[in-house]
C-alpha atoms as a PDB file:
ATOM      1  CA  MET A   1     264.829 161.971 166.278  1.00  0.00           C
ATOM      2  CA  GLU A   2     263.964 158.192 166.571  1.00  0.00           C
ATOM      3  CA  LEU A   3     266.886 155.666 167.325  1.00  0.00           C
ATOM      4  CA  SER A   4     267.245 152.917 164.622  1.00  0.00           C
ATOM      5  CA  LEU A   5     267.907 149.372 165.507  1.00  0.00           C
ATOM      6  CA  THR A   6     270.934 149.823 163.467  1.00  0.00           C
ATOM      7  CA  LEU A   7     272.290 152.739 165.412  1.00  0.00           C
ATOM      8  CA  LEU A   8     271.542 151.168 168.521  1.00  0.00           C
ATOM      9  CA  ILE A   9     273.920 148.269 167.921  1.00  0.00           C
ATOM     10  CA  ILE A  10     276.709 150.670 166.544  1.00  0.00           C
ATOM     11  CA  ILE A  11     276.233 152.974 169.896  1.00  0.00           C
ATOM     12  CA  VAL A  12     276.085 149.019 171.923  1.00  0.00           C
ATOM     13  CA  THR A  13     279.512 147.266 169.785  1.00  0.00           C
ATOM     14  CA  VAL A  14     281.617 151.057 169.748  1.00  0.00           C
ATOM     15  CA  SER A  15     280.943 151.100 173.627  1.00  0.00           C
ATOM     16  CA  VAL A  16     281.580 147.746 174.264  1.00  0.00           C
ATOM     17  CA  SER A  17     284.787 147.539 172.027  1.00  0.00           C
ATOM     18  CA  LEU A  18     286.443 150.653 173.567  1.00  0.00           C
ATOM     19  CA  PHE A  19     286.110 148.729 176.886  1.00  0.00           C
ATOM     20  CA  ALA A  20     287.570 145.662 175.750  1.00  0.00           C
ATOM     21  CA  ILE A  21     290.554 147.321 173.939  1.00  0.00           C
ATOM     22  CA  ASN A  22     291.536 149.244 176.872  1.00  0.00           C
ATOM     23  CA  LYS A  23     290.425 146.375 179.773  1.00  0.00           C
ATOM     24  CA  ARG A  24     292.197 143.774 178.174  1.00  0.00           C
ATOM     25  CA  GLU A  25     290.997 140.976 181.030  1.00  0.00           C
ATOM     26  CA  TYR A  26     287.516 141.463 179.252  1.00  0.00           C
ATOM     27  CA  PHE A  27     288.576 141.253 175.865  1.00  0.00           C
ATOM     28  CA  TYR A  28     289.818 137.811 176.379  1.00  0.00           C
ATOM     29  CA  ARG A  29     286.885 136.889 178.468  1.00  0.00           C
ATOM     30  CA  PHE A  30     284.396 138.236 175.439  1.00  0.00           C
ATOM     31  CA  GLN A  31     286.798 136.712 172.363  1.00  0.00           C
ATOM     32  CA  TYR A  32     285.606 133.592 170.045  1.00  0.00           C
ATOM     33  CA  ASN A  33     287.201 131.002 171.247  1.00  0.00           C
ATOM     34  CA  PRO A  34     285.662 127.580 169.724  1.00  0.00           C
ATOM     35  CA  TYR A  35     287.779 125.380 172.168  1.00  0.00           C
ATOM     36  CA  VAL A  36     286.532 127.131 175.417  1.00  0.00           C
ATOM     37  CA  VAL A  37     283.134 127.307 173.839  1.00  0.00           C
ATOM     38  CA  LYS A  38     283.129 123.411 173.870  1.00  0.00           C
ATOM     39  CA  HIS A  39     285.185 122.666 176.437  1.00  0.00           C
ATOM     40  CA  ASN A  40     283.907 125.101 179.345  1.00  0.00           C
ATOM     41  CA  LYS A  41     280.634 125.604 177.745  1.00  0.00           C
ATOM     42  CA  GLN A  42     280.794 128.899 177.013  1.00  0.00           C
ATOM     43  CA  TRP A  43     278.492 129.712 174.382  1.00  0.00           C
ATOM     44  CA  TYR A  44     277.793 132.925 175.204  1.00  0.00           C
ATOM     45  CA  ARG A  45     281.156 133.819 173.552  1.00  0.00           C
ATOM     46  CA  ILE A  46     279.546 132.980 170.230  1.00  0.00           C
ATOM     47  CA  PHE A  47     277.762 136.420 170.337  1.00  0.00           C
ATOM     48  CA  SER A  48     279.889 138.505 172.841  1.00  0.00           C
ATOM     49  CA  HIS A  49     283.013 138.368 170.352  1.00  0.00           C
ATOM     50  CA  ALA A  50     280.648 140.331 167.509  1.00  0.00           C
ATOM     51  CA  LEU A  51     280.666 143.352 170.450  1.00  0.00           C
ATOM     52  CA  ILE A  52     284.507 143.569 170.285  1.00  0.00           C
ATOM     53  CA  HIS A  53     287.267 144.026 168.052  1.00  0.00           C
ATOM     54  CA  GLY A  54     290.776 143.839 167.746  1.00  0.00           C
ATOM     55  CA  ASP A  55     291.767 148.014 167.117  1.00  0.00           C
ATOM     56  CA  TYR A  56     290.341 151.303 166.372  1.00  0.00           C
ATOM     57  CA  MET A  57     290.444 150.645 162.682  1.00  0.00           C
ATOM     58  CA  HIS A  58     288.632 147.064 162.744  1.00  0.00           C
ATOM     59  CA  LEU A  59     286.570 148.931 164.750  1.00  0.00           C
ATOM     60  CA  PHE A  60     285.758 151.915 162.709  1.00  0.00           C
ATOM     61  CA  PHE A  61     286.006 149.562 159.475  1.00  0.00           C
ATOM     62  CA  ASN A  62     282.773 147.288 160.480  1.00  0.00           C
ATOM     63  CA  MET A  63     280.600 150.262 161.630  1.00  0.00           C
ATOM     64  CA  TYR A  64     280.881 152.070 158.906  1.00  0.00           C
ATOM     65  CA  VAL A  65     279.877 149.400 156.317  1.00  0.00           C
ATOM     66  CA  LEU A  66     276.950 148.617 159.205  1.00  0.00           C
ATOM     67  CA  TYR A  67     276.151 152.249 159.506  1.00  0.00           C
ATOM     68  CA  ASN A  68     276.112 152.908 155.761  1.00  0.00           C
ATOM     69  CA  PHE A  69     274.178 149.316 154.613  1.00  0.00           C
ATOM     70  CA  GLY A  70     272.529 149.085 157.432  1.00  0.00           C
ATOM     71  CA  THR A  71     270.094 151.709 157.895  1.00  0.00           C
ATOM     72  CA  ILE A  72     269.313 150.779 154.451  1.00  0.00           C
ATOM     73  CA  THR A  73     268.610 147.006 155.030  1.00  0.00           C
ATOM     74  CA  GLU A  74     266.489 147.942 157.879  1.00  0.00           C
ATOM     75  CA  GLU A  75     264.089 150.361 156.497  1.00  0.00           C
ATOM     76  CA  TYR A  76     263.386 148.045 153.897  1.00  0.00           C
ATOM     77  CA  TYR A  77     262.593 145.068 155.815  1.00  0.00           C
ATOM     78  CA  ILE A  78     260.366 147.631 158.069  1.00  0.00           C
ATOM     79  CA  GLY A  79     258.938 148.761 154.814  1.00  0.00           C
ATOM     80  CA  ILE A  80     258.457 145.009 153.581  1.00  0.00           C
ATOM     81  CA  PHE A  81     257.249 143.682 157.081  1.00  0.00           C
ATOM     82  CA  GLY A  82     255.879 146.142 158.559  1.00  0.00           C
ATOM     83  CA  ALA A  83     256.729 146.719 162.839  1.00  0.00           C
ATOM     84  CA  LYS A  84     257.881 143.046 162.868  1.00  0.00           C
ATOM     85  CA  GLY A  85     260.277 144.271 160.519  1.00  0.00           C
ATOM     86  CA  ILE A  86     262.734 145.466 162.958  1.00  0.00           C
ATOM     87  CA  PHE A  87     262.806 142.156 165.076  1.00  0.00           C
ATOM     88  CA  LEU A  88     263.540 140.315 161.840  1.00  0.00           C
ATOM     89  CA  TYR A  89     265.935 142.756 161.171  1.00  0.00           C
ATOM     90  CA  GLY A  90     267.494 142.050 164.223  1.00  0.00           C
ATOM     91  CA  MET A  91     266.904 138.134 163.914  1.00  0.00           C
ATOM     92  CA  LEU A  92     269.126 138.670 160.611  1.00  0.00           C
ATOM     93  CA  TYR A  93     272.406 140.547 162.350  1.00  0.00           C
ATOM     94  CA  VAL A  94     272.088 137.861 165.669  1.00  0.00           C
ATOM     95  CA  GLY A  95     271.668 135.380 162.622  1.00  0.00           C
ATOM     96  CA  GLY A  96     275.014 136.488 160.819  1.00  0.00           C
ATOM     97  CA  ILE A  97     276.673 136.528 164.205  1.00  0.00           C
ATOM     98  CA  MET A  98     275.596 132.988 165.141  1.00  0.00           C
ATOM     99  CA  PHE A  99     276.017 131.094 161.034  1.00  0.00           C
ATOM    100  CA  ALA A 100     279.161 132.968 160.700  1.00  0.00           C
ATOM    101  CA  ALA A 101     280.951 131.468 163.698  1.00  0.00           C
ATOM    102  CA  LEU A 102     280.148 127.676 162.977  1.00  0.00           C
ATOM    103  CA  PRO A 103     282.980 127.030 160.428  1.00  0.00           C
ATOM    104  CA  ALA A 104     285.465 128.341 162.930  1.00  0.00           C
ATOM    105  CA  TYR A 105     283.421 125.911 165.510  1.00  0.00           C
ATOM    106  CA  LYS A 106     283.379 123.036 163.170  1.00  0.00           C
ATOM    107  CA  LYS A 107     287.344 123.784 162.134  1.00  0.00           C
ATOM    108  CA  HIS A 108     289.164 124.940 165.792  1.00  0.00           C
ATOM    109  CA  SER A 109     286.641 123.521 168.827  1.00  0.00           C
ATOM    110  CA  GLU A 110     290.113 121.910 169.739  1.00  0.00           C
ATOM    111  CA  ASN A 111     292.448 123.805 168.867  1.00  0.00           C
ATOM    112  CA  SER A 112     292.960 126.204 172.280  1.00  0.00           C
ATOM    113  CA  HIS A 113     295.366 128.520 170.395  1.00  0.00           C
ATOM    114  CA  TYR A 114     292.249 130.135 167.703  1.00  0.00           C
ATOM    115  CA  ASN A 115     290.793 133.488 168.745  1.00  0.00           C
ATOM    116  CA  ALA A 116     288.733 135.795 166.975  1.00  0.00           C
ATOM    117  CA  VAL A 117     286.669 138.887 167.651  1.00  0.00           C
ATOM    118  CA  GLY A 118     284.355 141.377 165.124  1.00  0.00           C
ATOM    119  CA  ALA A 119     280.975 141.601 163.833  1.00  0.00           C
ATOM    120  CA  SER A 120     282.013 141.044 160.281  1.00  0.00           C
ATOM    121  CA  GLY A 121     280.109 138.032 160.002  1.00  0.00           C
ATOM    122  CA  ALA A 122     276.643 139.865 161.206  1.00  0.00           C
ATOM    123  CA  VAL A 123     277.774 143.050 158.724  1.00  0.00           C
ATOM    124  CA  SER A 124     278.343 140.699 155.795  1.00  0.00           C
ATOM    125  CA  ALA A 125     274.848 139.031 156.363  1.00  0.00           C
ATOM    126  CA  VAL A 126     273.411 142.881 156.247  1.00  0.00           C
ATOM    127  CA  LEU A 127     275.864 143.744 153.569  1.00  0.00           C
ATOM    128  CA  PHE A 128     274.428 141.107 151.107  1.00  0.00           C
ATOM    129  CA  ALA A 129     270.550 141.464 151.781  1.00  0.00           C
ATOM    130  CA  SER A 130     270.705 145.098 150.955  1.00  0.00           C
ATOM    131  CA  ILE A 131     272.770 143.980 147.508  1.00  0.00           C
ATOM    132  CA  LEU A 132     269.290 141.822 146.934  1.00  0.00           C
ATOM    133  CA  PHE A 133     266.959 145.020 147.697  1.00  0.00           C
ATOM    134  CA  MET A 134     269.214 147.310 145.487  1.00  0.00           C
ATOM    135  CA  PRO A 135     271.505 145.079 143.471  1.00  0.00           C
ATOM    136  CA  THR A 136     272.145 147.732 140.752  1.00  0.00           C
ATOM    137  CA  ALA A 137     273.160 150.383 142.729  1.00  0.00           C
ATOM    138  CA  GLY A 138     276.655 151.848 143.004  1.00  0.00           C
ATOM    139  CA  LEU A 139     278.969 150.798 145.709  1.00  0.00           C
ATOM    140  CA  ARG A 140     281.832 152.795 146.480  1.00  0.00           C
ATOM    141  CA  ILE A 141     284.796 150.748 148.460  1.00  0.00           C
ATOM    142  CA  MET A 142     286.639 153.592 150.398  1.00  0.00           C
ATOM    143  CA  PHE A 143     289.370 155.342 148.773  1.00  0.00           C
ATOM    144  CA  ILE A 144     288.532 153.633 145.476  1.00  0.00           C
ATOM    145  CA  PRO A 145     286.545 156.927 143.397  1.00  0.00           C
ATOM    146  CA  ILE A 146     284.825 154.278 141.500  1.00  0.00           C
ATOM    147  CA  SER A 147     281.296 153.149 142.066  1.00  0.00           C
ATOM    148  CA  ILE A 148     280.504 149.396 141.340  1.00  0.00           C
ATOM    149  CA  PRO A 149     277.000 147.833 140.665  1.00  0.00           C
ATOM    150  CA  ALA A 150     275.962 145.864 143.790  1.00  0.00           C
ATOM    151  CA  PHE A 151     275.850 142.500 142.239  1.00  0.00           C
ATOM    152  CA  ILE A 152     279.334 142.751 140.837  1.00  0.00           C
ATOM    153  CA  PHE A 153     280.761 144.157 144.177  1.00  0.00           C
ATOM    154  CA  GLY A 154     278.983 140.571 145.953  1.00  0.00           C
ATOM    155  CA  PHE A 155     280.520 138.421 143.107  1.00  0.00           C
ATOM    156  CA  ILE A 156     283.660 140.350 143.341  1.00  0.00           C
ATOM    157  CA  TYR A 157     283.713 140.130 147.704  1.00  0.00           C
ATOM    158  CA  LEU A 158     283.019 136.611 147.682  1.00  0.00           C
ATOM    159  CA  ALA A 159     285.708 135.546 145.032  1.00  0.00           C
ATOM    160  CA  LEU A 160     288.161 137.389 147.030  1.00  0.00           C
ATOM    161  CA  GLU A 161     287.143 136.484 150.609  1.00  0.00           C
ATOM    162  CA  ALA A 162     287.333 132.693 149.133  1.00  0.00           C
ATOM    163  CA  TYR A 163     290.791 133.185 148.080  1.00  0.00           C
ATOM    164  CA  LEU A 164     292.065 134.785 150.727  1.00  0.00           C
ATOM    165  CA  ASP A 165     290.315 132.540 153.245  1.00  0.00           C
ATOM    166  CA  LYS A 166     292.436 129.477 151.400  1.00  0.00           C
ATOM    167  CA  LYS A 167     296.003 131.201 151.132  1.00  0.00           C
ATOM    168  CA  SER A 168     294.849 131.612 154.754  1.00  0.00           C
ATOM    169  CA  ASN A 169     297.971 133.651 155.648  1.00  0.00           C
ATOM    170  CA  ASP A 170     296.450 136.084 157.738  1.00  0.00           C
ATOM    171  CA  ASN A 171     294.386 136.460 161.074  1.00  0.00           C
ATOM    172  CA  ILE A 172     291.253 137.228 159.689  1.00  0.00           C
ATOM    173  CA  ALA A 173     288.371 134.864 159.854  1.00  0.00           C
ATOM    174  CA  HIS A 174     287.585 134.930 155.674  1.00  0.00           C
ATOM    175  CA  ASP A 175     285.134 131.974 156.079  1.00  0.00           C
ATOM    176  CA  ALA A 176     283.066 133.928 158.587  1.00  0.00           C
ATOM    177  CA  HIS A 177     282.618 137.034 155.958  1.00  0.00           C
ATOM    178  CA  ILE A 178     281.581 134.410 153.343  1.00  0.00           C
ATOM    179  CA  TRP A 179     279.038 132.300 155.725  1.00  0.00           C
ATOM    180  CA  GLY A 180     277.758 135.674 157.086  1.00  0.00           C
ATOM    181  CA  ALA A 181     277.151 136.425 153.456  1.00  0.00           C
ATOM    182  CA  LEU A 182     275.167 133.777 152.749  1.00  0.00           C
ATOM    183  CA  PHE A 183     272.851 133.813 156.022  1.00  0.00           C
ATOM    184  CA  GLY A 184     271.781 137.509 154.755  1.00  0.00           C
ATOM    185  CA  VAL A 185     270.917 135.992 151.345  1.00  0.00           C
ATOM    186  CA  VAL A 186     269.470 132.981 152.596  1.00  0.00           C
ATOM    187  CA  PHE A 187     267.609 134.541 155.502  1.00  0.00           C
ATOM    188  CA  THR A 188     265.864 137.548 153.350  1.00  0.00           C
ATOM    189  CA  ILE A 189     265.178 135.305 150.337  1.00  0.00           C
ATOM    190  CA  ALA A 190     263.096 132.826 153.199  1.00  0.00           C
ATOM    191  CA  LEU A 191     261.297 135.686 154.846  1.00  0.00           C
ATOM    192  CA  LYS A 192     260.158 137.525 150.783  1.00  0.00           C
ATOM    193  CA  PRO A 193     260.833 135.048 147.950  1.00  0.00           C
ATOM    194  CA  ALA A 194     259.736 137.230 145.904  1.00  0.00           C
ATOM    195  CA  ILE A 195     262.898 139.104 146.086  1.00  0.00           C
ATOM    196  CA  VAL A 196     264.788 136.393 144.001  1.00  0.00           C
ATOM    197  CA  LEU A 197     262.894 137.643 140.770  1.00  0.00           C
ATOM    198  CA  TYR A 198     263.248 141.228 141.701  1.00  0.00           C
ATOM    199  CA  PHE A 199     266.689 141.062 141.960  1.00  0.00           C
ATOM    200  CA  ILE A 200     267.171 138.914 138.623  1.00  0.00           C
ATOM    201  CA  GLU A 201     264.665 141.716 136.577  1.00  0.00           C
ATOM    202  CA  SER A 202     266.644 144.389 138.102  1.00  0.00           C
ATOM    203  CA  VAL A 203     269.945 142.592 136.641  1.00  0.00           C
ATOM    204  CA  ASN A 204     268.354 142.011 133.555  1.00  0.00           C
ATOM    205  CA  ASP A 205     267.680 145.308 133.075  1.00  0.00           C
ATOM    206  CA  TYR A 206     270.785 147.095 133.711  1.00  0.00           C
ATOM    207  CA  LEU A 207     272.866 144.464 131.375  1.00  0.00           C
ATOM    208  CA  THR A 208     270.026 145.177 129.013  1.00  0.00           C
ATOM    209  CA  HIS A 209     271.113 148.815 129.124  1.00  0.00           C
ATOM    210  CA  LEU A 210     274.324 148.631 129.192  1.00  0.00           C
ATOM    211  CA  PHE A 211     274.777 146.604 125.977  1.00  0.00           C
END
């Protein structure tokens, strides 16, 4: 069976994450610290932090979402763009990492105590790219036994993340989720502008049949 880029990303991320969880010196070396990035020029942290996760549940959730939606998005990219679709899908993922890291760099580049880990920004980019391709597909959140149309799920997701980011009473980088999602949408539309019309028509047809 041919190894997809999504599965390769998952294998590498799981391997590095498990290694870093058990070897804390590498965990601290790879985590995203905007202060160190700026003042020590350790730019690799912008990308390396996506390869490590805070704990096993954090790792499982991100890789679970990536597996479910990454394989779909990768197939769409290949179907639309042919052989270069794999490269473009890789750019979607890597770009999601970088773009999602920008808000924290702007806010915390003078805060030496701020740290972040995880591939959530890149996973959000992939997830929202998939919503463009299948806006009316039913998405089911873990442990919730009902399906929500993808376009509605997307709006709820962004609204919830914006609310939680404003509250700022946890250690989760909600702004990274938002900016990663926005990157996934903008990047995919830039590559295939016609996807906007397809998205609108699909949602309109869904709502017409619903009401």
